[in-house]
């Protein structure tokens, strides 16, 4: 097993600039980034070390900044697995990664979370006439911007590198994993027009 000393000898130590970029609260630039982000990934750990990473998306600004140390992420109808929420009930520590399309840098906000079933600010999170069914309130413990190298290496935003049709469709993947129901029924279910009707 790699020790801390071995890891540091390979990766190196953070320089002063990197070490001082971490804050324990949201500044104006953090708030601005969150307001422009339509997509955030939430990481949780539960009982026995079970890990979940869940994507959340809505129009930019869907995550509410309640104050300098608290944000709220709305929950919309999904696959009903609620893995992340079950994890939070066991271990409230969460990590998030806020993405802005076209930008390589990202914002990380880590802290402790609680599940909220209703609050006054839910009315400000209405999309297409629908309030969130829950919210994940996160008390900020650390926040910092992450460099763009991973996005640059992957060319994630370079459309010339996009080849989505090289993979099976969502229906074909579901059919291969679930074995049933029939492929035709799955294709109707996962059709974009049908999926859009189920967004909220």
C-alpha atoms as a PDB file:
ATOM      1  CA  UNK A   1       0.000   0.000   0.000  1.00  0.00           C
ATOM      2  CA  UNK A   2       1.251   3.462  -0.883  1.00  0.00           C
ATOM      3  CA  UNK A   3       2.117   5.609   2.123  1.00  0.00           C
ATOM      4  CA  UNK A   4       1.570   9.339   2.459  1.00  0.00           C
ATOM      5  CA  UNK A   5       5.299   9.898   2.071  1.00  0.00           C
ATOM      6  CA  UNK A   6       5.453   7.782  -1.111  1.00  0.00           C
ATOM      7  CA  UNK A   7       2.436   9.537  -2.557  1.00  0.00           C
ATOM      8  CA  UNK A   8       3.936  12.964  -1.884  1.00  0.00           C
ATOM      9  CA  UNK A   9       7.228  11.885  -3.472  1.00  0.00           C
ATOM     10  CA  UNK A  10       5.328  10.967  -6.659  1.00  0.00           C
ATOM     11  CA  UNK A  11       2.745  13.744  -6.841  1.00  0.00           C
ATOM     12  CA  UNK A  12       4.563  16.447  -4.919  1.00  0.00           C
ATOM     13  CA  UNK A  13       3.439  18.937  -2.307  1.00  0.00           C
ATOM     14  CA  UNK A  14       0.971  21.728  -3.066  1.00  0.00           C
ATOM     15  CA  UNK A  15       2.689  25.057  -3.553  1.00  0.00           C
ATOM     16  CA  UNK A  16       1.662  28.137  -1.599  1.00  0.00           C
ATOM     17  CA  UNK A  17      -0.681  29.346  -4.341  1.00  0.00           C
ATOM     18  CA  UNK A  18      -2.549  26.038  -4.373  1.00  0.00           C
ATOM     19  CA  UNK A  19      -2.551  25.714  -0.603  1.00  0.00           C
ATOM     20  CA  UNK A  20      -4.085  29.148  -0.072  1.00  0.00           C
ATOM     21  CA  UNK A  21      -6.914  28.874  -2.599  1.00  0.00           C
ATOM     22  CA  UNK A  22      -9.139  26.877  -0.233  1.00  0.00           C
ATOM     23  CA  UNK A  23     -11.810  28.847   1.613  1.00  0.00           C
ATOM     24  CA  UNK A  24     -14.216  27.811   4.353  1.00  0.00           C
ATOM     25  CA  UNK A  25     -17.033  29.941   2.964  1.00  0.00           C
ATOM     26  CA  UNK A  26     -18.397  31.185  -0.336  1.00  0.00           C
ATOM     27  CA  UNK A  27     -17.025  34.412  -1.771  1.00  0.00           C
ATOM     28  CA  UNK A  28     -18.585  36.478  -4.546  1.00  0.00           C
ATOM     29  CA  UNK A  29     -16.706  34.557  -7.241  1.00  0.00           C
ATOM     30  CA  UNK A  30     -17.924  31.224  -5.833  1.00  0.00           C
ATOM     31  CA  UNK A  31     -21.482  32.535  -5.827  1.00  0.00           C
ATOM     32  CA  UNK A  32     -21.131  33.721  -9.418  1.00  0.00           C
ATOM     33  CA  UNK A  33     -19.855  30.321 -10.550  1.00  0.00           C
ATOM     34  CA  UNK A  34     -22.711  28.466  -8.851  1.00  0.00           C
ATOM     35  CA  UNK A  35     -25.195  30.891 -10.456  1.00  0.00           C
ATOM     36  CA  UNK A  36     -23.844  30.013 -13.925  1.00  0.00           C
ATOM     37  CA  UNK A  37     -23.629  26.265 -13.394  1.00  0.00           C
ATOM     38  CA  UNK A  38     -26.406  24.011 -14.761  1.00  0.00           C
ATOM     39  CA  UNK A  39     -24.744  20.806 -13.588  1.00  0.00           C
ATOM     40  CA  UNK A  40     -23.265  19.517 -10.337  1.00  0.00           C
ATOM     41  CA  UNK A  41     -22.043  16.092  -9.263  1.00  0.00           C
ATOM     42  CA  UNK A  42     -22.634  15.052  -5.645  1.00  0.00           C
ATOM     43  CA  UNK A  43     -20.465  12.414  -3.971  1.00  0.00           C
ATOM     44  CA  UNK A  44     -21.503  10.618  -0.784  1.00  0.00           C
ATOM     45  CA  UNK A  45     -20.302   7.723   1.353  1.00  0.00           C
ATOM     46  CA  UNK A  46     -22.594   5.502   3.356  1.00  0.00           C
ATOM     47  CA  UNK A  47     -22.667   2.495   5.622  1.00  0.00           C
ATOM     48  CA  UNK A  48     -19.816   0.074   5.116  1.00  0.00           C
ATOM     49  CA  UNK A  49     -18.015   2.536   2.842  1.00  0.00           C
ATOM     50  CA  UNK A  50     -20.586   2.365   0.028  1.00  0.00           C
ATOM     51  CA  UNK A  51     -19.908   5.235  -2.362  1.00  0.00           C
ATOM     52  CA  UNK A  52     -22.295   7.053  -4.680  1.00  0.00           C
ATOM     53  CA  UNK A  53     -21.752   9.812  -7.233  1.00  0.00           C
ATOM     54  CA  UNK A  54     -24.941  11.430  -8.482  1.00  0.00           C
ATOM     55  CA  UNK A  55     -25.372  14.060 -11.230  1.00  0.00           C
ATOM     56  CA  UNK A  56     -27.838  16.907 -10.694  1.00  0.00           C
ATOM     57  CA  UNK A  57     -28.891  19.302 -13.423  1.00  0.00           C
ATOM     58  CA  UNK A  58     -31.361  22.109 -14.087  1.00  0.00           C
ATOM     59  CA  UNK A  59     -31.238  25.594 -15.617  1.00  0.00           C
ATOM     60  CA  UNK A  60     -28.173  27.620 -14.498  1.00  0.00           C
ATOM     61  CA  UNK A  61     -28.533  28.892 -10.964  1.00  0.00           C
ATOM     62  CA  UNK A  62     -30.681  25.965  -9.838  1.00  0.00           C
ATOM     63  CA  UNK A  63     -28.491  25.483  -6.769  1.00  0.00           C
ATOM     64  CA  UNK A  64     -29.452  28.076  -4.169  1.00  0.00           C
ATOM     65  CA  UNK A  65     -26.845  29.902  -2.139  1.00  0.00           C
ATOM     66  CA  UNK A  66     -28.643  30.441   1.159  1.00  0.00           C
ATOM     67  CA  UNK A  67     -25.749  32.248   2.816  1.00  0.00           C
ATOM     68  CA  UNK A  68     -21.946  32.279   2.779  1.00  0.00           C
ATOM     69  CA  UNK A  69     -21.750  28.806   4.297  1.00  0.00           C
ATOM     70  CA  UNK A  70     -24.890  27.047   3.033  1.00  0.00           C
ATOM     71  CA  UNK A  71     -26.123  25.872  -0.363  1.00  0.00           C
ATOM     72  CA  UNK A  72     -29.202  23.848  -1.319  1.00  0.00           C
ATOM     73  CA  UNK A  73     -29.444  21.425  -4.239  1.00  0.00           C
ATOM     74  CA  UNK A  74     -32.995  20.588  -5.361  1.00  0.00           C
ATOM     75  CA  UNK A  75     -34.072  17.034  -6.074  1.00  0.00           C
ATOM     76  CA  UNK A  76     -36.283  16.251  -9.065  1.00  0.00           C
ATOM     77  CA  UNK A  77     -38.021  12.991 -10.001  1.00  0.00           C
ATOM     78  CA  UNK A  78     -35.378  10.412 -10.893  1.00  0.00           C
ATOM     79  CA  UNK A  79     -34.703   6.688 -10.799  1.00  0.00           C
ATOM     80  CA  UNK A  80     -35.959   6.427  -7.190  1.00  0.00           C
ATOM     81  CA  UNK A  81     -32.767   4.705  -5.976  1.00  0.00           C
ATOM     82  CA  UNK A  82     -31.912   7.602  -3.605  1.00  0.00           C
ATOM     83  CA  UNK A  83     -28.477   6.079  -2.954  1.00  0.00           C
ATOM     84  CA  UNK A  84     -26.914   9.434  -2.104  1.00  0.00           C
ATOM     85  CA  UNK A  85     -29.699  10.405   0.276  1.00  0.00           C
ATOM     86  CA  UNK A  86     -29.499   7.065   2.060  1.00  0.00           C
ATOM     87  CA  UNK A  87     -25.762   7.619   2.414  1.00  0.00           C
ATOM     88  CA  UNK A  88     -26.273  11.079   3.920  1.00  0.00           C
ATOM     89  CA  UNK A  89     -28.476   9.557   6.621  1.00  0.00           C
ATOM     90  CA  UNK A  90     -25.462   7.460   7.650  1.00  0.00           C
ATOM     91  CA  UNK A  91     -22.594   9.839   6.878  1.00  0.00           C
ATOM     92  CA  UNK A  92     -23.417  13.510   6.185  1.00  0.00           C
ATOM     93  CA  UNK A  93     -20.071  14.325   4.556  1.00  0.00           C
ATOM     94  CA  UNK A  94     -20.453  15.198   0.869  1.00  0.00           C
ATOM     95  CA  UNK A  95     -18.323  16.475  -1.976  1.00  0.00           C
ATOM     96  CA  UNK A  96     -19.612  18.407  -4.989  1.00  0.00           C
ATOM     97  CA  UNK A  97     -18.199  19.448  -8.352  1.00  0.00           C
ATOM     98  CA  UNK A  98     -19.849  22.359 -10.205  1.00  0.00           C
ATOM     99  CA  UNK A  99     -19.429  22.374 -13.988  1.00  0.00           C
ATOM    100  CA  UNK A 100     -19.986  25.260 -16.419  1.00  0.00           C
ATOM    101  CA  UNK A 101     -20.238  24.113 -20.068  1.00  0.00           C
ATOM    102  CA  UNK A 102     -17.256  25.210 -22.115  1.00  0.00           C
ATOM    103  CA  UNK A 103     -15.077  25.833 -19.068  1.00  0.00           C
ATOM    104  CA  UNK A 104     -12.297  23.488 -18.059  1.00  0.00           C
ATOM    105  CA  UNK A 105     -11.986  24.705 -14.498  1.00  0.00           C
ATOM    106  CA  UNK A 106     -14.544  23.520 -11.973  1.00  0.00           C
ATOM    107  CA  UNK A 107     -15.683  24.514  -8.501  1.00  0.00           C
ATOM    108  CA  UNK A 108     -15.515  22.047  -5.634  1.00  0.00           C
ATOM    109  CA  UNK A 109     -17.639  22.542  -2.539  1.00  0.00           C
ATOM    110  CA  UNK A 110     -17.301  20.054   0.312  1.00  0.00           C
ATOM    111  CA  UNK A 111     -19.122  19.907   3.612  1.00  0.00           C
ATOM    112  CA  UNK A 112     -21.837  18.179   5.603  1.00  0.00           C
ATOM    113  CA  UNK A 113     -25.380  17.728   4.364  1.00  0.00           C
ATOM    114  CA  UNK A 114     -28.888  17.278   5.619  1.00  0.00           C
ATOM    115  CA  UNK A 115     -32.042  16.322   3.748  1.00  0.00           C
ATOM    116  CA  UNK A 116     -34.843  18.877   3.717  1.00  0.00           C
ATOM    117  CA  UNK A 117     -38.391  17.924   2.690  1.00  0.00           C
ATOM    118  CA  UNK A 118     -39.679  21.501   2.461  1.00  0.00           C
ATOM    119  CA  UNK A 119     -38.509  25.060   3.061  1.00  0.00           C
ATOM    120  CA  UNK A 120     -39.489  28.604   2.133  1.00  0.00           C
ATOM    121  CA  UNK A 121     -36.860  28.704  -0.599  1.00  0.00           C
ATOM    122  CA  UNK A 122     -38.478  25.755  -2.432  1.00  0.00           C
ATOM    123  CA  UNK A 123     -40.762  28.330  -4.077  1.00  0.00           C
ATOM    124  CA  UNK A 124     -37.658  29.905  -5.635  1.00  0.00           C
ATOM    125  CA  UNK A 125     -36.628  26.529  -7.081  1.00  0.00           C
ATOM    126  CA  UNK A 126     -39.724  25.973  -9.181  1.00  0.00           C
ATOM    127  CA  UNK A 127     -38.995  24.790 -12.739  1.00  0.00           C
ATOM    128  CA  UNK A 128     -41.776  24.268 -15.273  1.00  0.00           C
ATOM    129  CA  UNK A 129     -44.309  24.778 -12.491  1.00  0.00           C
ATOM    130  CA  UNK A 130     -42.805  22.084 -10.262  1.00  0.00           C
ATOM    131  CA  UNK A 131     -41.287  22.518  -6.806  1.00  0.00           C
ATOM    132  CA  UNK A 132     -38.444  20.202  -5.826  1.00  0.00           C
ATOM    133  CA  UNK A 133     -39.453  17.022  -4.016  1.00  0.00           C
ATOM    134  CA  UNK A 134     -36.499  17.365  -1.609  1.00  0.00           C
ATOM    135  CA  UNK A 135     -33.364  19.437  -1.191  1.00  0.00           C
ATOM    136  CA  UNK A 136     -29.875  18.623  -0.038  1.00  0.00           C
ATOM    137  CA  UNK A 137     -28.662  21.421   2.227  1.00  0.00           C
ATOM    138  CA  UNK A 138     -24.887  21.510   2.476  1.00  0.00           C
ATOM    139  CA  UNK A 139     -22.987  23.353   5.188  1.00  0.00           C
ATOM    140  CA  UNK A 140     -19.805  24.476   3.456  1.00  0.00           C
ATOM    141  CA  UNK A 141     -16.533  23.381   5.051  1.00  0.00           C
ATOM    142  CA  UNK A 142     -14.192  24.000   2.137  1.00  0.00           C
ATOM    143  CA  UNK A 143     -14.484  25.364  -1.378  1.00  0.00           C
ATOM    144  CA  UNK A 144     -11.921  25.832  -4.107  1.00  0.00           C
ATOM    145  CA  UNK A 145     -11.488  25.944  -7.862  1.00  0.00           C
ATOM    146  CA  UNK A 146      -9.984  22.939  -9.615  1.00  0.00           C
ATOM    147  CA  UNK A 147      -7.672  23.395 -12.593  1.00  0.00           C
ATOM    148  CA  UNK A 148      -8.682  22.664 -16.199  1.00  0.00           C
ATOM    149  CA  UNK A 149      -6.075  19.999 -17.023  1.00  0.00           C
ATOM    150  CA  UNK A 150      -8.471  17.021 -16.962  1.00  0.00           C
ATOM    151  CA  UNK A 151     -10.889  18.775 -19.325  1.00  0.00           C
ATOM    152  CA  UNK A 152      -8.036  19.869 -21.579  1.00  0.00           C
ATOM    153  CA  UNK A 153      -6.555  16.375 -21.723  1.00  0.00           C
ATOM    154  CA  UNK A 154      -9.922  14.794 -22.459  1.00  0.00           C
ATOM    155  CA  UNK A 155     -10.955  17.519 -24.968  1.00  0.00           C
ATOM    156  CA  UNK A 156     -14.373  17.213 -23.364  1.00  0.00           C
ATOM    157  CA  UNK A 157     -15.832  20.336 -24.973  1.00  0.00           C
ATOM    158  CA  UNK A 158     -14.282  19.737 -28.423  1.00  0.00           C
ATOM    159  CA  UNK A 159     -17.245  18.583 -30.485  1.00  0.00           C
ATOM    160  CA  UNK A 160     -14.887  17.043 -33.077  1.00  0.00           C
ATOM    161  CA  UNK A 161     -14.071  14.380 -30.465  1.00  0.00           C
ATOM    162  CA  UNK A 162     -17.728  13.548 -29.785  1.00  0.00           C
ATOM    163  CA  UNK A 163     -18.906  10.196 -31.184  1.00  0.00           C
ATOM    164  CA  UNK A 164     -22.024   9.308 -29.156  1.00  0.00           C
ATOM    165  CA  UNK A 165     -23.385   7.021 -31.859  1.00  0.00           C
ATOM    166  CA  UNK A 166     -20.386   4.720 -31.482  1.00  0.00           C
ATOM    167  CA  UNK A 167     -22.094   3.412 -28.334  1.00  0.00           C
ATOM    168  CA  UNK A 168     -25.347   1.455 -28.022  1.00  0.00           C
ATOM    169  CA  UNK A 169     -28.452   3.531 -27.363  1.00  0.00           C
ATOM    170  CA  UNK A 170     -29.821   3.875 -23.828  1.00  0.00           C
ATOM    171  CA  UNK A 171     -32.546   1.394 -24.748  1.00  0.00           C
ATOM    172  CA  UNK A 172     -30.003  -1.113 -26.079  1.00  0.00           C
ATOM    173  CA  UNK A 173     -27.879  -0.764 -22.937  1.00  0.00           C
ATOM    174  CA  UNK A 174     -30.913  -1.255 -20.699  1.00  0.00           C
ATOM    175  CA  UNK A 175     -31.984  -4.279 -22.724  1.00  0.00           C
ATOM    176  CA  UNK A 176     -28.515  -5.830 -22.396  1.00  0.00           C
ATOM    177  CA  UNK A 177     -28.376  -5.204 -18.644  1.00  0.00           C
ATOM    178  CA  UNK A 178     -31.978  -5.913 -17.690  1.00  0.00           C
ATOM    179  CA  UNK A 179     -32.690  -8.556 -20.369  1.00  0.00           C
ATOM    180  CA  UNK A 180     -36.333  -7.493 -20.281  1.00  0.00           C
ATOM    181  CA  UNK A 181     -38.704  -5.935 -21.239  1.00  0.00           C
ATOM    182  CA  UNK A 182     -38.425  -6.050 -25.003  1.00  0.00           C
ATOM    183  CA  UNK A 183     -36.137  -3.672 -26.894  1.00  0.00           C
ATOM    184  CA  UNK A 184     -39.019  -1.971 -28.710  1.00  0.00           C
ATOM    185  CA  UNK A 185     -40.699  -1.085 -25.406  1.00  0.00           C
ATOM    186  CA  UNK A 186     -37.436   0.273 -24.033  1.00  0.00           C
ATOM    187  CA  UNK A 187     -36.878   2.375 -27.148  1.00  0.00           C
ATOM    188  CA  UNK A 188     -40.306   3.967 -26.662  1.00  0.00           C
ATOM    189  CA  UNK A 189     -39.571   4.588 -22.979  1.00  0.00           C
ATOM    190  CA  UNK A 190     -36.149   6.169 -23.549  1.00  0.00           C
ATOM    191  CA  UNK A 191     -37.155   8.198 -26.602  1.00  0.00           C
ATOM    192  CA  UNK A 192     -36.138  11.826 -26.021  1.00  0.00           C
ATOM    193  CA  UNK A 193     -39.692  13.083 -26.492  1.00  0.00           C
ATOM    194  CA  UNK A 194     -40.980  10.693 -23.819  1.00  0.00           C
ATOM    195  CA  UNK A 195     -38.100  11.430 -21.455  1.00  0.00           C
ATOM    196  CA  UNK A 196     -38.706  15.165 -21.709  1.00  0.00           C
ATOM    197  CA  UNK A 197     -42.267  14.612 -20.540  1.00  0.00           C
ATOM    198  CA  UNK A 198     -40.878  13.022 -17.360  1.00  0.00           C
ATOM    199  CA  UNK A 199     -38.265  15.661 -16.466  1.00  0.00           C
ATOM    200  CA  UNK A 200     -40.377  17.266 -13.735  1.00  0.00           C
END
